[in-house]
Amino acid sequence: PSMLYINNQSALAVAKNPEHHGRMKHLDLRTDEMPADCMTKALAKGKVETMVGLLGLV
């Protein structure tokens, strides 16, 4: 088993109780579509403007 270092109570409950695993959802998002990336990565101007708009910062 993998070590889980997290303080998210929901994630800990799911990890401890296998009954919940079937009900969990997986969000398949491409990494270049994550709005928070505009604050952590070098992106083209158009991409930054799009992501900033998605975050509601403009």
PDB file of N, CA and C in Angstrom:
ATOM      1  N   PRO A   1       0.819  -1.207   0.000  1.00  0.00           N
ATOM      2  CA  PRO A   1       0.000   0.000   0.000  1.00  0.00           C
ATOM      3  C   PRO A   1       0.857   1.262   0.000  1.00  0.00           C
ATOM      4  N   SER A   2       0.326   2.295  -0.597  1.00  0.00           N
ATOM      5  CA  SER A   2       1.024   3.581  -0.666  1.00  0.00           C
ATOM      6  C   SER A   2       0.790   4.378   0.605  1.00  0.00           C
ATOM      7  N   MET A   3       1.780   5.191   0.968  1.00  0.00           N
ATOM      8  CA  MET A   3       1.625   6.092   2.108  1.00  0.00           C
ATOM      9  C   MET A   3       0.791   7.286   1.661  1.00  0.00           C
ATOM     10  N   LEU A   4      -0.120   7.729   2.498  1.00  0.00           N
ATOM     11  CA  LEU A   4      -0.980   8.853   2.187  1.00  0.00           C
ATOM     12  C   LEU A   4      -0.700   9.962   3.187  1.00  0.00           C
ATOM     13  N   TYR A   5      -0.125  11.051   2.715  1.00  0.00           N
ATOM     14  CA  TYR A   5       0.168  12.199   3.563  1.00  0.00           C
ATOM     15  C   TYR A   5      -0.824  13.299   3.216  1.00  0.00           C
ATOM     16  N   ILE A   6      -1.874  13.422   4.009  1.00  0.00           N
ATOM     17  CA  ILE A   6      -2.926  14.389   3.716  1.00  0.00           C
ATOM     18  C   ILE A   6      -3.701  14.681   4.988  1.00  0.00           C
ATOM     19  N   ASN A   7      -4.263  15.861   5.105  1.00  0.00           N
ATOM     20  CA  ASN A   7      -5.097  16.158   6.262  1.00  0.00           C
ATOM     21  C   ASN A   7      -6.547  16.406   5.853  1.00  0.00           C
ATOM     22  N   ASN A   8      -6.925  15.972   4.676  1.00  0.00           N
ATOM     23  CA  ASN A   8      -8.286  16.091   4.184  1.00  0.00           C
ATOM     24  C   ASN A   8      -9.113  14.964   4.792  1.00  0.00           C
ATOM     25  N   GLN A   9     -10.062  15.297   5.656  1.00  0.00           N
ATOM     26  CA  GLN A   9     -10.829  14.286   6.384  1.00  0.00           C
ATOM     27  C   GLN A   9     -11.632  13.381   5.449  1.00  0.00           C
ATOM     28  N   SER A  10     -12.175  13.923   4.367  1.00  0.00           N
ATOM     29  CA  SER A  10     -12.936  13.109   3.424  1.00  0.00           C
ATOM     30  C   SER A  10     -12.043  12.083   2.741  1.00  0.00           C
ATOM     31  N   ALA A  11     -10.864  12.503   2.324  1.00  0.00           N
ATOM     32  CA  ALA A  11      -9.933  11.581   1.671  1.00  0.00           C
ATOM     33  C   ALA A  11      -9.486  10.490   2.634  1.00  0.00           C
ATOM     34  N   LEU A  12      -9.263  10.849   3.896  1.00  0.00           N
ATOM     35  CA  LEU A  12      -8.867   9.849   4.891  1.00  0.00           C
ATOM     36  C   LEU A  12      -9.985   8.840   5.129  1.00  0.00           C
ATOM     37  N   ALA A  13     -11.232   9.302   5.186  1.00  0.00           N
ATOM     38  CA  ALA A  13     -12.361   8.395   5.400  1.00  0.00           C
ATOM     39  C   ALA A  13     -12.498   7.412   4.246  1.00  0.00           C
ATOM     40  N   VAL A  14     -12.326   7.890   3.024  1.00  0.00           N
ATOM     41  CA  VAL A  14     -12.418   7.015   1.850  1.00  0.00           C
ATOM     42  C   VAL A  14     -11.282   5.997   1.854  1.00  0.00           C
ATOM     43  N   ALA A  15     -10.093   6.439   2.217  1.00  0.00           N
ATOM     44  CA  ALA A  15      -8.942   5.535   2.227  1.00  0.00           C
ATOM     45  C   ALA A  15      -9.099   4.436   3.276  1.00  0.00           C
ATOM     46  N   LYS A  16      -9.736   4.752   4.388  1.00  0.00           N
ATOM     47  CA  LYS A  16      -9.890   3.775   5.466  1.00  0.00           C
ATOM     48  C   LYS A  16     -11.059   2.821   5.251  1.00  0.00           C
ATOM     49  N   ASN A  17     -12.071   3.228   4.472  1.00  0.00           N
ATOM     50  CA  ASN A  17     -13.266   2.417   4.307  1.00  0.00           C
ATOM     51  C   ASN A  17     -13.443   2.012   2.844  1.00  0.00           C
ATOM     52  N   PRO A  18     -13.161   0.755   2.492  1.00  0.00           N
ATOM     53  CA  PRO A  18     -13.248   0.314   1.095  1.00  0.00           C
ATOM     54  C   PRO A  18     -14.663   0.362   0.520  1.00  0.00           C
ATOM     55  N   GLU A  19     -15.689   0.471   1.355  1.00  0.00           N
ATOM     56  CA  GLU A  19     -17.064   0.555   0.845  1.00  0.00           C
ATOM     57  C   GLU A  19     -17.268   1.800  -0.012  1.00  0.00           C
ATOM     58  N   HIS A  20     -16.555   2.861   0.287  1.00  0.00           N
ATOM     59  CA  HIS A  20     -16.739   4.125  -0.426  1.00  0.00           C
ATOM     60  C   HIS A  20     -16.091   4.138  -1.810  1.00  0.00           C
ATOM     61  N   HIS A  21     -15.166   3.264  -2.090  1.00  0.00           N
ATOM     62  CA  HIS A  21     -14.386   3.332  -3.328  1.00  0.00           C
ATOM     63  C   HIS A  21     -15.249   3.256  -4.582  1.00  0.00           C
ATOM     64  N   GLY A  22     -16.311   2.449  -4.573  1.00  0.00           N
ATOM     65  CA  GLY A  22     -17.171   2.318  -5.744  1.00  0.00           C
ATOM     66  C   GLY A  22     -17.957   3.574  -6.059  1.00  0.00           C
ATOM     67  N   ARG A  23     -18.142   4.431  -5.081  1.00  0.00           N
ATOM     68  CA  ARG A  23     -18.922   5.651  -5.273  1.00  0.00           C
ATOM     69  C   ARG A  23     -18.063   6.871  -5.579  1.00  0.00           C
ATOM     70  N   MET A  24     -16.778   6.706  -5.585  1.00  0.00           N
ATOM     71  CA  MET A  24     -15.889   7.842  -5.834  1.00  0.00           C
ATOM     72  C   MET A  24     -15.918   8.222  -7.308  1.00  0.00           C
ATOM     73  N   LYS A  25     -15.710   9.489  -7.574  1.00  0.00           N
ATOM     74  CA  LYS A  25     -15.691  10.006  -8.941  1.00  0.00           C
ATOM     75  C   LYS A  25     -14.266  10.373  -9.326  1.00  0.00           C
ATOM     76  N   HIS A  26     -13.949  10.147 -10.582  1.00  0.00           N
ATOM     77  CA  HIS A  26     -12.651  10.551 -11.115  1.00  0.00           C
ATOM     78  C   HIS A  26     -12.900  11.654 -12.128  1.00  0.00           C
ATOM     79  N   LEU A  27     -12.269  12.782 -11.945  1.00  0.00           N
ATOM     80  CA  LEU A  27     -12.397  13.886 -12.884  1.00  0.00           C
ATOM     81  C   LEU A  27     -11.211  13.846 -13.834  1.00  0.00           C
ATOM     82  N   ASP A  28     -11.503  13.577 -15.078  1.00  0.00           N
ATOM     83  CA  ASP A  28     -10.447  13.473 -16.079  1.00  0.00           C
ATOM     84  C   ASP A  28     -10.231  14.842 -16.718  1.00  0.00           C
ATOM     85  N   LEU A  29      -9.337  15.626 -16.132  1.00  0.00           N
ATOM     86  CA  LEU A  29      -9.000  16.942 -16.655  1.00  0.00           C
ATOM     87  C   LEU A  29      -7.579  16.917 -17.198  1.00  0.00           C
ATOM     88  N   ARG A  30      -7.437  17.453 -18.382  1.00  0.00           N
ATOM     89  CA  ARG A  30      -6.086  17.569 -18.923  1.00  0.00           C
ATOM     90  C   ARG A  30      -5.341  18.610 -18.112  1.00  0.00           C
ATOM     91  N   THR A  31      -4.057  18.410 -17.950  1.00  0.00           N
ATOM     92  CA  THR A  31      -3.289  19.327 -17.101  1.00  0.00           C
ATOM     93  C   THR A  31      -3.204  20.732 -17.681  1.00  0.00           C
ATOM     94  N   ASP A  32      -3.366  20.883 -18.977  1.00  0.00           N
ATOM     95  CA  ASP A  32      -3.309  22.230 -19.546  1.00  0.00           C
ATOM     96  C   ASP A  32      -4.652  22.948 -19.452  1.00  0.00           C
ATOM     97  N   GLU A  33      -5.653  22.317 -18.831  1.00  0.00           N
ATOM     98  CA  GLU A  33      -6.964  22.936 -18.671  1.00  0.00           C
ATOM     99  C   GLU A  33      -7.261  23.301 -17.218  1.00  0.00           C
ATOM    100  N   MET A  34      -6.271  23.265 -16.360  1.00  0.00           N
ATOM    101  CA  MET A  34      -6.484  23.572 -14.949  1.00  0.00           C
ATOM    102  C   MET A  34      -6.279  25.067 -14.722  1.00  0.00           C
ATOM    103  N   PRO A  35      -7.340  25.775 -14.315  1.00  0.00           N
ATOM    104  CA  PRO A  35      -7.253  27.231 -14.170  1.00  0.00           C
ATOM    105  C   PRO A  35      -6.156  27.704 -13.221  1.00  0.00           C
ATOM    106  N   ALA A  36      -5.879  26.983 -12.167  1.00  0.00           N
ATOM    107  CA  ALA A  36      -4.868  27.424 -11.202  1.00  0.00           C
ATOM    108  C   ALA A  36      -3.464  27.424 -11.801  1.00  0.00           C
ATOM    109  N   ASP A  37      -3.261  26.740 -12.919  1.00  0.00           N
ATOM    110  CA  ASP A  37      -1.938  26.692 -13.544  1.00  0.00           C
ATOM    111  C   ASP A  37      -1.448  28.060 -13.996  1.00  0.00           C
ATOM    112  N   CYS A  38      -2.358  28.993 -14.232  1.00  0.00           N
ATOM    113  CA  CYS A  38      -1.911  30.309 -14.701  1.00  0.00           C
ATOM    114  C   CYS A  38      -1.111  31.031 -13.631  1.00  0.00           C
ATOM    115  N   MET A  39      -1.192  30.579 -12.398  1.00  0.00           N
ATOM    116  CA  MET A  39      -0.439  31.204 -11.317  1.00  0.00           C
ATOM    117  C   MET A  39       0.885  30.500 -11.038  1.00  0.00           C
ATOM    118  N   THR A  40       1.090  29.320 -11.632  1.00  0.00           N
ATOM    119  CA  THR A  40       2.277  28.538 -11.296  1.00  0.00           C
ATOM    120  C   THR A  40       3.160  28.184 -12.481  1.00  0.00           C
ATOM    121  N   LYS A  41       2.670  28.406 -13.700  1.00  0.00           N
ATOM    122  CA  LYS A  41       3.433  27.989 -14.878  1.00  0.00           C
ATOM    123  C   LYS A  41       3.553  29.131 -15.882  1.00  0.00           C
ATOM    124  N   ALA A  42       4.584  29.060 -16.678  1.00  0.00           N
ATOM    125  CA  ALA A  42       4.748  30.023 -17.762  1.00  0.00           C
ATOM    126  C   ALA A  42       3.825  29.616 -18.905  1.00  0.00           C
ATOM    127  N   LEU A  43       2.877  30.480 -19.239  1.00  0.00           N
ATOM    128  CA  LEU A  43       1.917  30.196 -20.301  1.00  0.00           C
ATOM    129  C   LEU A  43       1.892  31.352 -21.295  1.00  0.00           C
ATOM    130  N   ALA A  44       1.382  31.070 -22.486  1.00  0.00           N
ATOM    131  CA  ALA A  44       1.216  32.120 -23.487  1.00  0.00           C
ATOM    132  C   ALA A  44       0.181  33.133 -22.992  1.00  0.00           C
ATOM    133  N   LYS A  45       0.267  34.366 -23.471  1.00  0.00           N
ATOM    134  CA  LYS A  45      -0.602  35.450 -23.009  1.00  0.00           C
ATOM    135  C   LYS A  45      -2.085  35.091 -23.136  1.00  0.00           C
ATOM    136  N   GLY A  46      -2.473  34.527 -24.264  1.00  0.00           N
ATOM    137  CA  GLY A  46      -3.874  34.163 -24.476  1.00  0.00           C
ATOM    138  C   GLY A  46      -4.360  33.124 -23.483  1.00  0.00           C
ATOM    139  N   LYS A  47      -3.515  32.162 -23.178  1.00  0.00           N
ATOM    140  CA  LYS A  47      -3.867  31.113 -22.221  1.00  0.00           C
ATOM    141  C   LYS A  47      -4.008  31.693 -20.813  1.00  0.00           C
ATOM    142  N   VAL A  48      -3.107  32.607 -20.453  1.00  0.00           N
ATOM    143  CA  VAL A  48      -3.183  33.256 -19.133  1.00  0.00           C
ATOM    144  C   VAL A  48      -4.487  34.034 -19.018  1.00  0.00           C
ATOM    145  N   GLU A  49      -4.842  34.792 -20.053  1.00  0.00           N
ATOM    146  CA  GLU A  49      -6.078  35.577 -20.021  1.00  0.00           C
ATOM    147  C   GLU A  49      -7.300  34.678 -19.874  1.00  0.00           C
ATOM    148  N   THR A  50      -7.306  33.550 -20.568  1.00  0.00           N
ATOM    149  CA  THR A  50      -8.418  32.605 -20.458  1.00  0.00           C
ATOM    150  C   THR A  50      -8.523  32.050 -19.051  1.00  0.00           C
ATOM    151  N   MET A  51      -7.409  31.609 -18.502  1.00  0.00           N
ATOM    152  CA  MET A  51      -7.409  31.002 -17.171  1.00  0.00           C
ATOM    153  C   MET A  51      -7.758  32.016 -16.087  1.00  0.00           C
ATOM    154  N   VAL A  52      -7.247  33.235 -16.201  1.00  0.00           N
ATOM    155  CA  VAL A  52      -7.563  34.282 -15.230  1.00  0.00           C
ATOM    156  C   VAL A  52      -9.066  34.576 -15.266  1.00  0.00           C
ATOM    157  N   GLY A  53      -9.646  34.557 -16.459  1.00  0.00           N
ATOM    158  CA  GLY A  53     -11.092  34.745 -16.582  1.00  0.00           C
ATOM    159  C   GLY A  53     -11.873  33.623 -15.925  1.00  0.00           C
ATOM    160  N   LEU A  54     -11.406  32.386 -16.076  1.00  0.00           N
ATOM    161  CA  LEU A  54     -12.073  31.247 -15.435  1.00  0.00           C
ATOM    162  C   LEU A  54     -12.024  31.344 -13.918  1.00  0.00           C
ATOM    163  N   LEU A  55     -10.950  31.905 -13.399  1.00  0.00           N
ATOM    164  CA  LEU A  55     -10.815  32.061 -11.950  1.00  0.00           C
ATOM    165  C   LEU A  55     -11.575  33.283 -11.430  1.00  0.00           C
ATOM    166  N   GLY A  56     -12.051  34.121 -12.332  1.00  0.00           N
ATOM    167  CA  GLY A  56     -12.788  35.313 -11.926  1.00  0.00           C
ATOM    168  C   GLY A  56     -11.903  36.403 -11.356  1.00  0.00           C
ATOM    169  N   LEU A  57     -10.661  36.470 -11.822  1.00  0.00           N
ATOM    170  CA  LEU A  57      -9.720  37.460 -11.303  1.00  0.00           C
ATOM    171  C   LEU A  57      -9.731  38.758 -12.094  1.00  0.00           C
ATOM    172  N   VAL A  58     -10.495  38.805 -13.167  1.00  0.00           N
ATOM    173  CA  VAL A  58     -10.541  40.020 -13.987  1.00  0.00           C
ATOM    174  C   VAL A  58     -11.877  40.688 -13.819  1.00  0.00           C
TER     175      VAL A  58
END
